[in-house]
N, C-alpha and C. Protein backbone atom coordinates (compact mmCIF):
# COMPACT_ATOMS: atom_id res chain seq x y z
N UNK A 1 13.11 8.31 19.32
CA UNK A 1 12.13 7.26 19.09
C UNK A 1 12.77 6.05 18.41
N UNK A 2 12.22 4.86 18.61
CA UNK A 2 12.81 3.66 18.03
C UNK A 2 12.86 3.69 16.52
N UNK A 3 11.87 4.32 15.86
CA UNK A 3 11.86 4.36 14.40
C UNK A 3 13.01 5.19 13.84
N UNK A 4 13.42 6.22 14.58
CA UNK A 4 14.53 7.04 14.14
C UNK A 4 15.81 6.22 14.12
N UNK A 5 16.03 5.43 15.16
CA UNK A 5 17.22 4.60 15.22
C UNK A 5 17.17 3.54 14.11
N UNK A 6 16.01 2.96 13.92
CA UNK A 6 15.84 1.93 12.90
C UNK A 6 16.14 2.50 11.51
N UNK A 7 15.64 3.70 11.25
CA UNK A 7 15.85 4.33 9.96
C UNK A 7 17.34 4.56 9.73
N UNK A 8 18.05 5.02 10.74
CA UNK A 8 19.48 5.26 10.61
C UNK A 8 20.21 3.96 10.32
N UNK A 9 19.83 2.89 11.01
CA UNK A 9 20.45 1.59 10.74
C UNK A 9 20.13 1.11 9.34
N UNK A 10 18.88 1.24 8.96
CA UNK A 10 18.47 0.79 7.63
C UNK A 10 19.21 1.58 6.56
N UNK A 11 19.39 2.88 6.76
CA UNK A 11 20.11 3.69 5.80
C UNK A 11 21.55 3.19 5.66
N UNK A 12 22.16 2.79 6.76
CA UNK A 12 23.52 2.25 6.70
C UNK A 12 23.57 0.97 5.91
N UNK A 13 22.57 0.13 6.07
CA UNK A 13 22.49 -1.12 5.32
C UNK A 13 22.33 -0.83 3.85
N UNK A 14 21.51 0.16 3.51
CA UNK A 14 21.30 0.52 2.11
C UNK A 14 22.60 1.02 1.48
N UNK A 15 23.35 1.83 2.22
CA UNK A 15 24.62 2.33 1.68
C UNK A 15 25.60 1.18 1.48
N UNK A 16 25.58 0.22 2.38
CA UNK A 16 26.50 -0.90 2.30
C UNK A 16 26.17 -1.81 1.11
N UNK A 17 24.89 -2.08 0.91
CA UNK A 17 24.50 -3.00 -0.15
C UNK A 17 24.43 -2.32 -1.50
N UNK A 18 24.16 -1.02 -1.51
CA UNK A 18 24.04 -0.30 -2.76
C UNK A 18 22.72 -0.61 -3.47
N UNK A 19 21.83 -1.31 -2.82
CA UNK A 19 20.56 -1.68 -3.43
C UNK A 19 19.58 -0.53 -3.34
N UNK A 20 18.93 -0.14 -4.45
CA UNK A 20 17.99 0.97 -4.40
C UNK A 20 16.76 0.65 -3.55
N UNK A 21 16.30 -0.59 -3.56
CA UNK A 21 15.15 -0.96 -2.74
C UNK A 21 15.63 -1.36 -1.36
N UNK A 22 16.76 -2.03 -1.33
CA UNK A 22 17.38 -2.40 -0.08
C UNK A 22 16.45 -3.14 0.87
N UNK A 23 16.97 -3.55 1.99
CA UNK A 23 16.18 -4.30 2.96
C UNK A 23 15.52 -3.43 4.02
N UNK A 24 15.48 -2.11 3.84
CA UNK A 24 14.96 -1.24 4.90
C UNK A 24 13.54 -1.60 5.29
N UNK A 25 12.68 -1.88 4.29
CA UNK A 25 11.30 -2.21 4.63
C UNK A 25 11.21 -3.56 5.33
N UNK A 26 12.08 -4.49 4.99
CA UNK A 26 12.08 -5.78 5.66
C UNK A 26 12.65 -5.67 7.07
N UNK A 27 13.65 -4.82 7.24
CA UNK A 27 14.24 -4.61 8.55
C UNK A 27 13.19 -4.03 9.49
N UNK A 28 12.42 -3.09 9.01
CA UNK A 28 11.35 -2.50 9.83
C UNK A 28 10.34 -3.57 10.22
N UNK A 29 9.93 -4.38 9.27
CA UNK A 29 8.91 -5.40 9.53
C UNK A 29 9.43 -6.44 10.53
N UNK A 30 10.70 -6.78 10.43
CA UNK A 30 11.26 -7.77 11.36
C UNK A 30 11.28 -7.21 12.79
N UNK A 31 11.50 -5.92 12.92
CA UNK A 31 11.56 -5.30 14.25
C UNK A 31 10.16 -5.04 14.79
N UNK A 32 9.20 -4.86 13.92
CA UNK A 32 7.82 -4.62 14.32
C UNK A 32 7.21 -5.97 14.70
N UNK A 33 6.85 -6.11 15.94
CA UNK A 33 6.35 -7.40 16.41
C UNK A 33 4.83 -7.47 16.45
N UNK A 34 4.18 -6.29 16.39
CA UNK A 34 2.73 -6.26 16.46
C UNK A 34 2.22 -4.99 15.81
N UNK A 35 1.02 -5.11 15.24
CA UNK A 35 0.37 -3.91 14.70
C UNK A 35 -0.37 -3.17 15.81
N UNK A 36 -0.58 -3.87 16.93
CA UNK A 36 -1.36 -3.30 18.01
C UNK A 36 -2.86 -3.43 17.77
N UNK A 37 -3.22 -4.14 16.71
CA UNK A 37 -4.62 -4.34 16.36
C UNK A 37 -4.91 -5.84 16.41
N UNK A 38 -5.84 -6.23 17.26
CA UNK A 38 -6.17 -7.65 17.43
C UNK A 38 -6.58 -8.25 16.09
N UNK A 39 -5.96 -9.37 15.74
CA UNK A 39 -6.30 -10.07 14.51
C UNK A 39 -5.61 -9.56 13.26
N UNK A 40 -4.78 -8.53 13.38
CA UNK A 40 -4.08 -7.97 12.23
C UNK A 40 -2.58 -8.18 12.41
N UNK A 41 -2.05 -9.25 11.81
CA UNK A 41 -0.63 -9.56 11.99
C UNK A 41 0.28 -8.62 11.18
N UNK A 42 1.52 -8.54 11.59
CA UNK A 42 2.54 -7.78 10.86
C UNK A 42 2.75 -8.44 9.51
N UNK A 43 2.86 -7.63 8.46
CA UNK A 43 3.08 -8.15 7.12
C UNK A 43 4.43 -7.64 6.60
N UNK A 44 5.48 -8.48 6.67
CA UNK A 44 6.81 -8.03 6.24
C UNK A 44 6.93 -7.75 4.75
N UNK A 45 6.04 -8.30 3.94
CA UNK A 45 6.09 -8.07 2.48
C UNK A 45 5.05 -7.05 2.04
N UNK A 46 4.70 -6.13 2.93
CA UNK A 46 3.63 -5.17 2.66
C UNK A 46 3.86 -4.35 1.40
N UNK A 47 5.08 -3.94 1.15
CA UNK A 47 5.37 -3.09 -0.01
C UNK A 47 5.00 -3.81 -1.30
N UNK A 48 5.43 -5.03 -1.46
CA UNK A 48 5.13 -5.81 -2.67
C UNK A 48 3.63 -6.11 -2.77
N UNK A 49 3.01 -6.41 -1.65
CA UNK A 49 1.58 -6.71 -1.64
C UNK A 49 0.78 -5.48 -2.05
N UNK A 50 1.11 -4.33 -1.49
CA UNK A 50 0.40 -3.10 -1.84
C UNK A 50 0.59 -2.75 -3.31
N UNK A 51 1.80 -2.88 -3.80
CA UNK A 51 2.06 -2.59 -5.21
C UNK A 51 1.18 -3.47 -6.10
N UNK A 52 1.09 -4.75 -5.77
CA UNK A 52 0.26 -5.67 -6.54
C UNK A 52 -1.21 -5.33 -6.46
N UNK A 53 -1.69 -5.02 -5.27
CA UNK A 53 -3.11 -4.70 -5.08
C UNK A 53 -3.51 -3.42 -5.82
N UNK A 54 -2.70 -2.38 -5.72
CA UNK A 54 -3.03 -1.13 -6.40
C UNK A 54 -2.97 -1.30 -7.92
N UNK A 55 -2.04 -2.10 -8.40
CA UNK A 55 -1.95 -2.37 -9.84
C UNK A 55 -3.18 -3.15 -10.31
N UNK A 56 -3.59 -4.15 -9.54
CA UNK A 56 -4.79 -4.92 -9.89
C UNK A 56 -6.04 -4.05 -9.86
N UNK A 57 -6.11 -3.15 -8.89
CA UNK A 57 -7.26 -2.24 -8.81
C UNK A 57 -7.36 -1.39 -10.06
N UNK A 58 -6.24 -0.81 -10.46
CA UNK A 58 -6.24 0.02 -11.66
C UNK A 58 -6.62 -0.78 -12.90
N UNK A 59 -6.16 -1.99 -12.97
CA UNK A 59 -6.50 -2.86 -14.10
C UNK A 59 -8.00 -3.17 -14.11
N UNK A 60 -8.55 -3.50 -12.95
CA UNK A 60 -9.98 -3.83 -12.84
C UNK A 60 -10.86 -2.63 -13.18
N UNK A 61 -10.39 -1.43 -12.88
CA UNK A 61 -11.17 -0.23 -13.16
C UNK A 61 -11.30 0.06 -14.65
N UNK A 62 -10.48 -0.57 -15.46
CA UNK A 62 -10.56 -0.37 -16.91
C UNK A 62 -11.88 -0.87 -17.48
N UNK A 63 -12.58 -1.74 -16.75
CA UNK A 63 -13.87 -2.27 -17.20
C UNK A 63 -14.99 -1.25 -17.01
N UNK A 64 -14.75 -0.20 -16.24
CA UNK A 64 -15.75 0.83 -16.00
C UNK A 64 -15.69 1.89 -17.10
N UNK A 65 -16.81 2.55 -17.39
CA UNK A 65 -16.76 3.67 -18.33
C UNK A 65 -15.87 4.78 -17.77
N UNK A 66 -15.19 5.48 -18.64
CA UNK A 66 -14.28 6.56 -18.21
C UNK A 66 -15.02 7.64 -17.44
N UNK A 67 -16.31 7.79 -17.68
CA UNK A 67 -17.09 8.83 -17.02
C UNK A 67 -17.60 8.42 -15.63
N UNK A 68 -17.44 7.17 -15.25
CA UNK A 68 -17.96 6.69 -13.96
C UNK A 68 -17.22 7.35 -12.81
N UNK A 69 -17.96 8.06 -11.97
CA UNK A 69 -17.37 8.78 -10.85
C UNK A 69 -16.64 7.84 -9.88
N UNK A 70 -17.22 6.68 -9.62
CA UNK A 70 -16.59 5.70 -8.74
C UNK A 70 -15.20 5.34 -9.27
N UNK A 71 -15.12 5.06 -10.55
CA UNK A 71 -13.83 4.68 -11.14
C UNK A 71 -12.83 5.83 -11.08
N UNK A 72 -13.31 7.05 -11.28
CA UNK A 72 -12.42 8.21 -11.22
C UNK A 72 -11.82 8.37 -9.82
N UNK A 73 -12.68 8.27 -8.81
CA UNK A 73 -12.23 8.48 -7.42
C UNK A 73 -11.30 7.35 -6.98
N UNK A 74 -11.74 6.11 -7.16
CA UNK A 74 -10.94 4.97 -6.73
C UNK A 74 -9.64 4.89 -7.53
N UNK A 75 -9.72 5.17 -8.83
CA UNK A 75 -8.52 5.16 -9.66
C UNK A 75 -7.52 6.22 -9.23
N UNK A 76 -8.01 7.39 -8.88
CA UNK A 76 -7.13 8.47 -8.42
C UNK A 76 -6.40 8.09 -7.14
N UNK A 77 -7.13 7.50 -6.21
CA UNK A 77 -6.52 7.07 -4.95
C UNK A 77 -5.49 5.97 -5.21
N UNK A 78 -5.86 4.99 -6.02
CA UNK A 78 -4.96 3.87 -6.30
C UNK A 78 -3.68 4.35 -7.00
N UNK A 79 -3.81 5.25 -7.96
CA UNK A 79 -2.63 5.79 -8.66
C UNK A 79 -1.71 6.53 -7.70
N UNK A 80 -2.31 7.36 -6.87
CA UNK A 80 -1.53 8.14 -5.91
C UNK A 80 -0.79 7.22 -4.94
N UNK A 81 -1.52 6.24 -4.41
CA UNK A 81 -0.90 5.33 -3.44
C UNK A 81 0.14 4.43 -4.09
N UNK A 82 -0.09 4.00 -5.31
CA UNK A 82 0.89 3.18 -6.02
C UNK A 82 2.19 3.96 -6.22
N UNK A 83 2.08 5.22 -6.58
CA UNK A 83 3.28 6.05 -6.76
C UNK A 83 4.05 6.18 -5.44
N UNK A 84 3.34 6.34 -4.34
CA UNK A 84 3.99 6.44 -3.02
C UNK A 84 4.70 5.13 -2.70
N UNK A 85 4.01 4.02 -2.89
CA UNK A 85 4.59 2.70 -2.57
C UNK A 85 5.84 2.46 -3.41
N UNK A 86 5.78 2.77 -4.69
CA UNK A 86 6.94 2.54 -5.57
C UNK A 86 8.13 3.42 -5.21
N UNK A 87 7.86 4.63 -4.76
CA UNK A 87 8.97 5.57 -4.50
C UNK A 87 9.50 5.50 -3.07
N UNK A 88 8.74 4.94 -2.17
CA UNK A 88 9.14 4.92 -0.75
C UNK A 88 10.25 3.91 -0.49
N UNK A 89 11.15 4.28 0.39
CA UNK A 89 12.27 3.42 0.74
C UNK A 89 11.96 2.51 1.92
N UNK A 90 10.88 2.81 2.65
CA UNK A 90 10.58 2.02 3.84
C UNK A 90 9.07 1.98 4.09
N UNK A 91 8.67 1.03 4.92
CA UNK A 91 7.26 0.92 5.29
C UNK A 91 6.79 2.13 6.10
N UNK A 92 7.59 2.62 7.06
CA UNK A 92 7.16 3.82 7.78
C UNK A 92 6.97 5.03 6.85
N UNK A 93 7.77 5.10 5.80
CA UNK A 93 7.63 6.20 4.84
C UNK A 93 6.30 6.08 4.09
N UNK A 94 5.92 4.86 3.71
CA UNK A 94 4.63 4.63 3.05
C UNK A 94 3.51 5.08 3.97
N UNK A 95 3.57 4.65 5.23
CA UNK A 95 2.53 4.99 6.19
C UNK A 95 2.41 6.50 6.37
N UNK A 96 3.55 7.17 6.47
CA UNK A 96 3.55 8.62 6.69
C UNK A 96 3.02 9.38 5.48
N UNK A 97 3.44 8.99 4.29
CA UNK A 97 3.02 9.71 3.08
C UNK A 97 1.55 9.47 2.74
N UNK A 98 1.06 8.26 2.95
CA UNK A 98 -0.35 7.98 2.63
C UNK A 98 -1.24 8.49 3.75
N UNK A 99 -0.82 8.32 4.99
CA UNK A 99 -1.55 8.88 6.12
C UNK A 99 -2.91 8.24 6.37
N UNK A 100 -3.02 6.94 6.10
CA UNK A 100 -4.31 6.26 6.31
C UNK A 100 -4.13 4.99 7.14
N UNK A 101 -3.16 5.00 8.04
CA UNK A 101 -2.95 3.86 8.91
C UNK A 101 -1.66 3.12 8.61
N UNK A 102 -1.52 1.98 9.26
CA UNK A 102 -0.35 1.13 9.07
C UNK A 102 -0.45 0.42 7.72
N UNK A 103 0.68 -0.06 7.21
CA UNK A 103 0.66 -0.74 5.91
C UNK A 103 -0.28 -1.95 5.93
N UNK A 104 -0.38 -2.60 7.07
CA UNK A 104 -1.28 -3.75 7.17
C UNK A 104 -2.74 -3.32 6.99
N UNK A 105 -3.06 -2.14 7.49
CA UNK A 105 -4.41 -1.60 7.31
C UNK A 105 -4.63 -1.17 5.86
N UNK A 106 -3.60 -0.64 5.24
CA UNK A 106 -3.70 -0.27 3.83
C UNK A 106 -3.96 -1.50 2.96
N UNK A 107 -3.33 -2.62 3.32
CA UNK A 107 -3.57 -3.87 2.60
C UNK A 107 -5.03 -4.27 2.74
N UNK A 108 -5.55 -4.21 3.96
CA UNK A 108 -6.96 -4.55 4.18
C UNK A 108 -7.88 -3.65 3.36
N UNK A 109 -7.59 -2.36 3.34
CA UNK A 109 -8.40 -1.41 2.58
C UNK A 109 -8.39 -1.77 1.09
N UNK A 110 -7.21 -2.05 0.56
CA UNK A 110 -7.08 -2.37 -0.87
C UNK A 110 -7.77 -3.70 -1.20
N UNK A 111 -7.67 -4.67 -0.30
CA UNK A 111 -8.35 -5.96 -0.51
C UNK A 111 -9.86 -5.77 -0.48
N UNK A 112 -10.36 -4.93 0.43
CA UNK A 112 -11.79 -4.65 0.49
C UNK A 112 -12.28 -3.99 -0.80
N UNK A 113 -11.48 -3.07 -1.32
CA UNK A 113 -11.86 -2.40 -2.57
C UNK A 113 -11.90 -3.40 -3.72
N UNK A 114 -10.96 -4.34 -3.72
CA UNK A 114 -10.94 -5.37 -4.77
C UNK A 114 -12.21 -6.24 -4.71
N UNK A 115 -12.74 -6.46 -3.52
CA UNK A 115 -13.98 -7.23 -3.36
C UNK A 115 -15.19 -6.41 -3.82
N UNK A 116 -15.11 -5.10 -3.64
CA UNK A 116 -16.23 -4.23 -3.99
C UNK A 116 -16.30 -3.96 -5.50
N UNK A 117 -15.18 -3.92 -6.17
CA UNK A 117 -15.14 -3.60 -7.60
C UNK A 117 -16.11 -4.42 -8.45
N UNK A 118 -16.11 -5.75 -8.35
CA UNK A 118 -17.03 -6.51 -9.21
C UNK A 118 -18.50 -6.24 -8.87
N UNK A 119 -18.80 -5.95 -7.61
CA UNK A 119 -20.17 -5.63 -7.21
C UNK A 119 -20.60 -4.32 -7.88
N UNK A 120 -19.74 -3.33 -7.81
CA UNK A 120 -20.04 -2.03 -8.40
C UNK A 120 -20.20 -2.14 -9.92
N UNK A 121 -19.38 -2.98 -10.53
CA UNK A 121 -19.46 -3.18 -11.98
C UNK A 121 -20.76 -3.89 -12.34
N UNK A 122 -21.09 -4.93 -11.60
CA UNK A 122 -22.32 -5.69 -11.86
C UNK A 122 -23.57 -4.82 -11.68
N UNK A 123 -23.54 -3.96 -10.68
CA UNK A 123 -24.68 -3.09 -10.40
C UNK A 123 -24.74 -1.88 -11.33
N UNK A 124 -23.69 -1.70 -12.12
CA UNK A 124 -23.63 -0.58 -13.09
C UNK A 124 -23.97 0.75 -12.39
N UNK A 125 -23.23 1.03 -11.35
CA UNK A 125 -23.51 2.18 -10.50
C UNK A 125 -23.47 3.51 -11.25
N UNK A 126 -22.78 3.57 -12.34
CA UNK A 126 -22.68 4.81 -13.10
C UNK A 126 -24.01 5.16 -13.79
N UNK A 127 -24.94 4.19 -13.87
CA UNK A 127 -26.22 4.44 -14.50
C UNK A 127 -27.27 4.95 -13.52
N UNK A 128 -26.96 4.90 -12.25
CA UNK A 128 -27.96 5.28 -11.22
C UNK A 128 -28.24 6.77 -11.22
């Protein structure tokens, strides 16, 4: 498969540069020309974007009571995904470990959650 060859090339680049983050995720994004989803462009900086979104989500959840079930569930997912994003060497690895679509879809999901957070806080859903 093309991803296998790409991974081998990216690994060679990582060994050559000695960089722990290396350009593997950027190399994958440059080779990926389409997500295959109309209106969803390839995002070469997906790793940094996801890291920022999951960090912001966790920060925003601090405004919720510790007992709020919504905050527990969303916080758990965000923590888990942030750990995967930080530890992954490539975008395909992030996609495989999270198992919820392409990185571009993960960005959309995280952005949607960021839009929902203030609504849930304003509605005080934990009191329902």
